[in-house]
Amino acid sequence: MSKKKKIIIMSSLVFLLALTAVLNVLLANVGATTPNSAAAVTTSNYFTTFRTERSNTRSEELLQYDSVIALYDEQSDEYKNAVQQKLQIVEMMEKELLLETLIKSKGFSDAVVTIGKDSKNVNVFINSNELTYNTAMAIYSMISDELGVSSGDVIILPVYSQI
């Protein structure tokens, strides 16, 4: 593929990404102006909304890495870095899904886990109106066993949401 074609493809991807961001902001503003829509998101759809936004963000990141992978030669540092970053995102996604399933197995109706890409921070949001010490320790133990992180890197927050 010629360099000119690569530039055109990359420019098109950047344009589409910018267009997606603008439309996302516009649609979010339209949704925010309807009565009770903010309350609805925070109560009944918090976990679904969170997962959707996380998935959209990750999809955009993966698309960007795919475009870099397509543009560069397999021997280049850019190619190797893009492949490594893409694999890191996929690995994080798998770990988050595993931890969410393990937390749900403890009796919670829903949970969302996010793992920091450039840090060892782990945020856990559980569907509960309260969080006891024993519950927090059980969740922390699971996370520590799976990821090997210290207690200072884990934040566990209850978010009560009627599903």
C-alpha atoms as a PDB file:
ATOM      1  CA  MET A   1       0.000   0.000   0.000  1.00  0.00           C
ATOM      2  CA  SER A   2       1.410   3.388  -0.921  1.00  0.00           C
ATOM      3  CA  LYS A   3       2.215   6.007   1.647  1.00  0.00           C
ATOM      4  CA  LYS A   4      -0.457   8.333   0.225  1.00  0.00           C
ATOM      5  CA  LYS A   5      -3.163   5.691   0.687  1.00  0.00           C
ATOM      6  CA  LYS A   6      -2.009   5.064   4.241  1.00  0.00           C
ATOM      7  CA  ILE A   7      -2.231   8.777   5.031  1.00  0.00           C
ATOM      8  CA  ILE A   8      -5.718   8.974   3.529  1.00  0.00           C
ATOM      9  CA  ILE A   9      -6.900   5.945   5.536  1.00  0.00           C
ATOM     10  CA  MET A  10      -5.398   7.275   8.767  1.00  0.00           C
ATOM     11  CA  SER A  11      -6.910  10.735   8.175  1.00  0.00           C
ATOM     12  CA  SER A  12     -10.303   9.155   7.513  1.00  0.00           C
ATOM     13  CA  LEU A  13     -10.099   7.169  10.753  1.00  0.00           C
ATOM     14  CA  VAL A  14      -9.194  10.285  12.735  1.00  0.00           C
ATOM     15  CA  PHE A  15     -12.081  12.178  11.109  1.00  0.00           C
ATOM     16  CA  LEU A  16     -14.523   9.372  11.958  1.00  0.00           C
ATOM     17  CA  LEU A  17     -13.254   9.276  15.531  1.00  0.00           C
ATOM     18  CA  ALA A  18     -13.767  13.045  15.879  1.00  0.00           C
ATOM     19  CA  LEU A  19     -17.238  12.769  14.339  1.00  0.00           C
ATOM     20  CA  THR A  20     -18.128  10.004  16.794  1.00  0.00           C
ATOM     21  CA  ALA A  21     -16.998  12.153  19.722  1.00  0.00           C
ATOM     22  CA  VAL A  22     -19.058  15.137  18.529  1.00  0.00           C
ATOM     23  CA  LEU A  23     -22.167  13.011  18.007  1.00  0.00           C
ATOM     24  CA  ASN A  24     -21.671  11.386  21.407  1.00  0.00           C
ATOM     25  CA  VAL A  25     -21.582  14.797  23.097  1.00  0.00           C
ATOM     26  CA  LEU A  26     -24.610  16.030  21.160  1.00  0.00           C
ATOM     27  CA  LEU A  27     -26.655  12.935  21.946  1.00  0.00           C
ATOM     28  CA  ALA A  28     -25.624  13.046  25.602  1.00  0.00           C
ATOM     29  CA  ASN A  29     -26.795  16.663  25.831  1.00  0.00           C
ATOM     30  CA  VAL A  30     -30.123  15.818  24.198  1.00  0.00           C
ATOM     31  CA  GLY A  31     -30.651  12.968  26.648  1.00  0.00           C
ATOM     32  CA  ALA A  32     -29.736  15.169  29.607  1.00  0.00           C
ATOM     33  CA  THR A  33     -32.437  17.706  28.800  1.00  0.00           C
ATOM     34  CA  THR A  34     -35.295  15.227  29.130  1.00  0.00           C
ATOM     35  CA  PRO A  35     -36.865  15.131  32.600  1.00  0.00           C
ATOM     36  CA  ASN A  36     -35.713  12.387  34.962  1.00  0.00           C
ATOM     37  CA  SER A  37     -33.231  10.986  32.430  1.00  0.00           C
ATOM     38  CA  ALA A  38     -30.259  11.636  34.711  1.00  0.00           C
ATOM     39  CA  ALA A  39     -32.033   9.949  37.597  1.00  0.00           C
ATOM     40  CA  ALA A  40     -32.894   6.982  35.397  1.00  0.00           C
ATOM     41  CA  VAL A  41     -29.273   6.502  34.374  1.00  0.00           C
ATOM     42  CA  THR A  42     -27.975   6.725  37.921  1.00  0.00           C
ATOM     43  CA  THR A  43     -30.538   4.346  39.376  1.00  0.00           C
ATOM     44  CA  SER A  44     -31.625   1.663  36.966  1.00  0.00           C
ATOM     45  CA  ASN A  45     -29.013   1.689  34.207  1.00  0.00           C
ATOM     46  CA  TYR A  46     -25.774   2.623  35.963  1.00  0.00           C
ATOM     47  CA  PHE A  47     -24.012  -0.670  35.364  1.00  0.00           C
ATOM     48  CA  THR A  48     -25.291  -1.078  31.807  1.00  0.00           C
ATOM     49  CA  THR A  49     -24.321   2.496  30.922  1.00  0.00           C
ATOM     50  CA  PHE A  50     -20.892   2.064  32.489  1.00  0.00           C
ATOM     51  CA  ARG A  51     -20.216  -1.132  30.541  1.00  0.00           C
ATOM     52  CA  THR A  52     -21.432   0.418  27.280  1.00  0.00           C
ATOM     53  CA  GLU A  53     -19.206   3.473  27.670  1.00  0.00           C
ATOM     54  CA  ARG A  54     -16.231   1.319  28.638  1.00  0.00           C
ATOM     55  CA  SER A  55     -16.833  -0.947  25.652  1.00  0.00           C
ATOM     56  CA  ASN A  56     -17.120   2.002  23.256  1.00  0.00           C
ATOM     57  CA  THR A  57     -13.909   3.545  24.568  1.00  0.00           C
ATOM     58  CA  ARG A  58     -12.035   0.263  24.291  1.00  0.00           C
ATOM     59  CA  SER A  59     -13.372  -0.313  20.766  1.00  0.00           C
ATOM     60  CA  GLU A  60     -12.068   3.087  19.693  1.00  0.00           C
ATOM     61  CA  GLU A  61      -8.676   2.353  21.230  1.00  0.00           C
ATOM     62  CA  LEU A  62      -8.507  -1.030  19.512  1.00  0.00           C
ATOM     63  CA  LEU A  63      -9.424   0.572  16.172  1.00  0.00           C
ATOM     64  CA  GLN A  64      -6.621   3.077  16.582  1.00  0.00           C
ATOM     65  CA  TYR A  65      -4.134   0.306  17.312  1.00  0.00           C
ATOM     66  CA  ASP A  66      -5.452  -1.677  14.332  1.00  0.00           C
ATOM     67  CA  SER A  67      -4.846   1.311  12.057  1.00  0.00           C
ATOM     68  CA  VAL A  68      -1.281   1.673  13.350  1.00  0.00           C
ATOM     69  CA  ILE A  69      -0.731  -2.056  12.854  1.00  0.00           C
ATOM     70  CA  ALA A  70      -1.989  -1.759   9.272  1.00  0.00           C
ATOM     71  CA  LEU A  71       0.237   1.236   8.516  1.00  0.00           C
ATOM     72  CA  TYR A  72       3.596   0.000   9.731  1.00  0.00           C
ATOM     73  CA  ASP A  73       5.901  -2.859   8.881  1.00  0.00           C
ATOM     74  CA  GLU A  74       6.015  -5.806  11.288  1.00  0.00           C
ATOM     75  CA  GLN A  75       9.614  -5.021  12.183  1.00  0.00           C
ATOM     76  CA  SER A  76       8.984  -1.403  13.192  1.00  0.00           C
ATOM     77  CA  ASP A  77       8.802  -0.234  16.804  1.00  0.00           C
ATOM     78  CA  GLU A  78       5.410   1.390  16.164  1.00  0.00           C
ATOM     79  CA  TYR A  79       3.954  -1.913  14.990  1.00  0.00           C
ATOM     80  CA  LYS A  80       5.373  -3.858  17.930  1.00  0.00           C
ATOM     81  CA  ASN A  81       4.161  -1.226  20.413  1.00  0.00           C
ATOM     82  CA  ALA A  82       0.651  -1.192  18.911  1.00  0.00           C
ATOM     83  CA  VAL A  83       0.415  -4.991  19.057  1.00  0.00           C
ATOM     84  CA  GLN A  84       1.651  -4.972  22.662  1.00  0.00           C
ATOM     85  CA  GLN A  85      -0.852  -2.258  23.681  1.00  0.00           C
ATOM     86  CA  LYS A  86      -3.696  -4.090  21.945  1.00  0.00           C
ATOM     87  CA  LEU A  87      -2.837  -7.336  23.728  1.00  0.00           C
ATOM     88  CA  GLN A  88      -2.677  -5.459  27.042  1.00  0.00           C
ATOM     89  CA  ILE A  89      -6.197  -4.074  26.507  1.00  0.00           C
ATOM     90  CA  VAL A  90      -7.561  -7.519  25.630  1.00  0.00           C
ATOM     91  CA  GLU A  91      -5.914  -8.999  28.724  1.00  0.00           C
ATOM     92  CA  MET A  92      -7.419  -6.243  30.922  1.00  0.00           C
ATOM     93  CA  MET A  93     -10.854  -6.882  29.430  1.00  0.00           C
ATOM     94  CA  GLU A  94     -10.595 -10.604  30.201  1.00  0.00           C
ATOM     95  CA  LYS A  95      -9.494  -9.955  33.790  1.00  0.00           C
ATOM     96  CA  GLU A  96     -12.284  -7.425  34.347  1.00  0.00           C
ATOM     97  CA  LEU A  97     -14.884  -9.885  33.074  1.00  0.00           C
ATOM     98  CA  LEU A  98     -13.512 -12.664  35.268  1.00  0.00           C
ATOM     99  CA  LEU A  99     -13.513 -10.467  38.377  1.00  0.00           C
ATOM    100  CA  GLU A 100     -17.036  -9.205  37.666  1.00  0.00           C
ATOM    101  CA  THR A 101     -18.246 -12.803  37.398  1.00  0.00           C
ATOM    102  CA  LEU A 102     -16.477 -13.797  40.621  1.00  0.00           C
ATOM    103  CA  ILE A 103     -18.005 -10.846  42.487  1.00  0.00           C
ATOM    104  CA  LYS A 104     -21.482 -11.688  41.184  1.00  0.00           C
ATOM    105  CA  SER A 105     -20.948 -15.237  42.435  1.00  0.00           C
ATOM    106  CA  LYS A 106     -20.725 -13.769  45.941  1.00  0.00           C
ATOM    107  CA  GLY A 107     -24.407 -12.828  45.691  1.00  0.00           C
ATOM    108  CA  PHE A 108     -24.326  -9.340  44.200  1.00  0.00           C
ATOM    109  CA  SER A 109     -26.810  -8.666  41.411  1.00  0.00           C
ATOM    110  CA  ASP A 110     -24.246  -6.667  39.431  1.00  0.00           C
ATOM    111  CA  ALA A 111     -20.662  -5.419  39.551  1.00  0.00           C
ATOM    112  CA  VAL A 112     -18.262  -3.482  37.361  1.00  0.00           C
ATOM    113  CA  VAL A 113     -14.476  -3.727  37.596  1.00  0.00           C
ATOM    114  CA  THR A 114     -11.994  -1.418  35.887  1.00  0.00           C
ATOM    115  CA  ILE A 115      -8.274  -2.037  35.791  1.00  0.00           C
ATOM    116  CA  GLY A 116      -5.891   0.844  35.158  1.00  0.00           C
ATOM    117  CA  LYS A 117      -3.982   0.530  31.902  1.00  0.00           C
ATOM    118  CA  ASP A 118      -0.878   2.373  33.052  1.00  0.00           C
ATOM    119  CA  SER A 119      -1.184   1.700  36.775  1.00  0.00           C
ATOM    120  CA  LYS A 120      -2.138  -1.107  39.094  1.00  0.00           C
ATOM    121  CA  ASN A 121      -5.293   0.681  40.232  1.00  0.00           C
ATOM    122  CA  VAL A 122      -8.445  -1.423  40.361  1.00  0.00           C
ATOM    123  CA  ASN A 123     -11.875   0.130  40.859  1.00  0.00           C
ATOM    124  CA  VAL A 124     -14.814  -2.051  41.832  1.00  0.00           C
ATOM    125  CA  PHE A 125     -18.422  -0.866  41.821  1.00  0.00           C
ATOM    126  CA  ILE A 126     -20.907  -3.298  43.335  1.00  0.00           C
ATOM    127  CA  ASN A 127     -24.678  -3.130  43.318  1.00  0.00           C
ATOM    128  CA  SER A 128     -25.338  -2.788  47.021  1.00  0.00           C
ATOM    129  CA  ASN A 129     -26.748  -0.148  49.311  1.00  0.00           C
ATOM    130  CA  GLU A 130     -24.072  -0.863  51.904  1.00  0.00           C
ATOM    131  CA  LEU A 131     -20.654  -2.415  52.128  1.00  0.00           C
ATOM    132  CA  THR A 132     -19.562  -4.368  55.186  1.00  0.00           C
ATOM    133  CA  TYR A 133     -15.967  -4.946  56.207  1.00  0.00           C
ATOM    134  CA  ASN A 134     -16.235  -8.705  55.595  1.00  0.00           C
ATOM    135  CA  THR A 135     -17.707  -8.186  52.126  1.00  0.00           C
ATOM    136  CA  ALA A 136     -15.016  -5.670  51.207  1.00  0.00           C
ATOM    137  CA  MET A 137     -12.306  -8.054  52.422  1.00  0.00           C
ATOM    138  CA  ALA A 138     -13.774 -10.965  50.451  1.00  0.00           C
ATOM    139  CA  ILE A 139     -13.818  -8.840  47.278  1.00  0.00           C
ATOM    140  CA  TYR A 140     -10.309  -7.541  47.949  1.00  0.00           C
ATOM    141  CA  SER A 141      -9.026 -11.105  48.491  1.00  0.00           C
ATOM    142  CA  MET A 142     -10.409 -12.206  45.128  1.00  0.00           C
ATOM    143  CA  ILE A 143      -8.828  -9.215  43.379  1.00  0.00           C
ATOM    144  CA  SER A 144      -5.525  -9.662  45.170  1.00  0.00           C
ATOM    145  CA  ASP A 145      -5.412 -13.371  44.303  1.00  0.00           C
ATOM    146  CA  GLU A 146      -6.177 -12.745  40.624  1.00  0.00           C
ATOM    147  CA  LEU A 147      -4.093  -9.609  40.031  1.00  0.00           C
ATOM    148  CA  GLY A 148      -1.534  -9.521  42.827  1.00  0.00           C
ATOM    149  CA  VAL A 149      -2.234  -5.885  43.733  1.00  0.00           C
ATOM    150  CA  SER A 150      -1.843  -4.258  47.136  1.00  0.00           C
ATOM    151  CA  SER A 151      -4.730  -2.908  49.195  1.00  0.00           C
ATOM    152  CA  GLY A 152      -3.811   0.704  48.403  1.00  0.00           C
ATOM    153  CA  ASP A 153      -4.446   0.051  44.730  1.00  0.00           C
ATOM    154  CA  VAL A 154      -8.011  -1.265  45.153  1.00  0.00           C
ATOM    155  CA  ILE A 155     -11.105   0.900  45.600  1.00  0.00           C
ATOM    156  CA  ILE A 156     -14.420  -0.829  46.305  1.00  0.00           C
ATOM    157  CA  LEU A 157     -17.570   1.297  46.171  1.00  0.00           C
ATOM    158  CA  PRO A 158     -21.202   0.335  46.651  1.00  0.00           C
ATOM    159  CA  VAL A 159     -23.591   1.816  44.084  1.00  0.00           C
ATOM    160  CA  TYR A 160     -27.208   0.970  44.752  1.00  0.00           C
ATOM    161  CA  SER A 161     -29.046   0.430  41.504  1.00  0.00           C
ATOM    162  CA  GLN A 162     -32.415  -1.222  40.992  1.00  0.00           C
ATOM    163  CA  ILE A 163     -32.128  -3.530  38.061  1.00  0.00           C
END
